[in-house]
Amino acid sequence: MDAFVYLLRCADGSLYCGWSTDPERRLSQHQRGVASRYTRTRLPVELVWTREFATRAEAMREEARIKRLPARQKRALLG
């Protein structure tokens, strides 16, 4: 099963990292305020980056790695 790591840009300019098997569905949940307390208070959000992985485990490891990065390095992922 494919899994994705994604970055959202929040209304306050911050970036949120998560993982999902369906990033579009997950984005919809974030936009409705039902996916995360962090993004619920920073609406609206937009999907700005995704990366596909072969397994959920790989995606979860990458999500954890990205969450540990400073904001500057997270922004660097966007190109």
Protein backbone atom coordinates (compact mmCIF):
# COMPACT_ATOMS: atom_id res chain seq x y z
CA MET A 1 0.00 0.00 0.00
CA ASP A 2 1.25 3.46 -0.85
CA ALA A 3 1.57 6.05 1.89
CA PHE A 4 2.40 9.73 1.67
CA VAL A 5 4.11 12.31 3.84
CA TYR A 6 2.73 15.80 3.34
CA LEU A 7 3.32 19.37 4.41
CA LEU A 8 0.54 21.88 4.90
CA ARG A 9 1.02 25.62 5.02
CA CYS A 10 -1.20 27.07 7.74
CA ALA A 11 -2.82 30.51 7.75
CA ASP A 12 -0.16 31.78 10.19
CA GLY A 13 2.61 30.70 7.78
CA SER A 14 3.72 27.70 9.81
CA LEU A 15 4.17 24.26 8.28
CA TYR A 16 2.47 21.10 9.51
CA CYS A 17 3.79 17.63 8.64
CA GLY A 18 1.68 14.49 8.56
CA TRP A 19 1.26 11.18 6.76
CA SER A 20 -1.70 9.52 5.08
CA THR A 21 -2.65 6.86 2.55
CA ASP A 22 -4.94 9.45 0.92
CA PRO A 23 -3.52 13.00 1.14
CA GLU A 24 -6.53 14.64 -0.55
CA ARG A 25 -8.95 13.09 1.96
CA ARG A 26 -6.64 14.06 4.80
CA LEU A 27 -6.41 17.64 3.48
CA SER A 28 -10.21 17.81 3.49
CA GLN A 29 -10.24 16.65 7.13
CA HIS A 30 -7.69 19.31 8.06
CA GLN A 31 -9.71 21.99 6.26
CA ARG A 32 -12.84 20.95 8.18
CA GLY A 33 -10.91 21.19 11.46
CA VAL A 34 -11.26 17.51 12.38
CA ALA A 35 -7.75 16.17 11.69
CA SER A 36 -5.43 17.90 14.15
CA ARG A 37 -5.60 20.35 17.03
CA TYR A 38 -2.62 22.20 15.56
CA THR A 39 -4.22 22.89 12.18
CA ARG A 40 -7.72 23.42 13.64
CA THR A 41 -6.52 26.69 15.19
CA ARG A 42 -4.58 27.77 12.07
CA LEU A 43 -7.16 27.48 9.27
CA PRO A 44 -7.21 27.68 6.36
CA VAL A 45 -4.47 25.25 5.35
CA GLU A 46 -3.10 24.35 1.93
CA LEU A 47 -1.25 21.28 0.75
CA VAL A 48 2.21 22.42 -0.39
CA TRP A 49 4.29 19.22 -0.58
CA THR A 50 3.85 15.44 -0.75
CA ARG A 51 6.18 12.49 -1.11
CA GLU A 52 5.10 8.92 -1.77
CA PHE A 53 6.44 5.86 0.07
CA ALA A 54 5.93 2.16 -0.53
CA THR A 55 4.84 1.41 3.03
CA ARG A 56 3.18 3.11 5.98
CA ALA A 57 6.24 2.37 8.11
CA GLU A 58 8.52 4.28 5.72
CA ALA A 59 6.12 7.22 5.64
CA MET A 60 5.84 7.30 9.43
CA ARG A 61 9.64 7.28 9.81
CA GLU A 62 9.97 10.16 7.33
CA GLU A 63 7.20 12.11 9.07
CA ALA A 64 9.01 11.75 12.39
CA ARG A 65 12.29 12.86 10.80
CA ILE A 66 10.71 15.93 9.20
CA LYS A 67 8.91 16.91 12.41
CA ARG A 68 12.31 17.09 14.13
CA LEU A 69 13.68 19.52 11.52
CA PRO A 70 13.85 23.26 12.20
CA ALA A 71 11.33 25.36 10.25
CA ARG A 72 14.08 26.59 7.91
CA GLN A 73 14.87 23.04 6.79
CA LYS A 74 11.18 22.19 6.39
CA ARG A 75 10.79 25.21 4.09
CA ALA A 76 13.83 24.00 2.12
CA LEU A 77 11.88 20.85 1.21
CA LEU A 78 9.48 23.07 -0.73
CA GLY A 79 12.22 24.09 -3.14
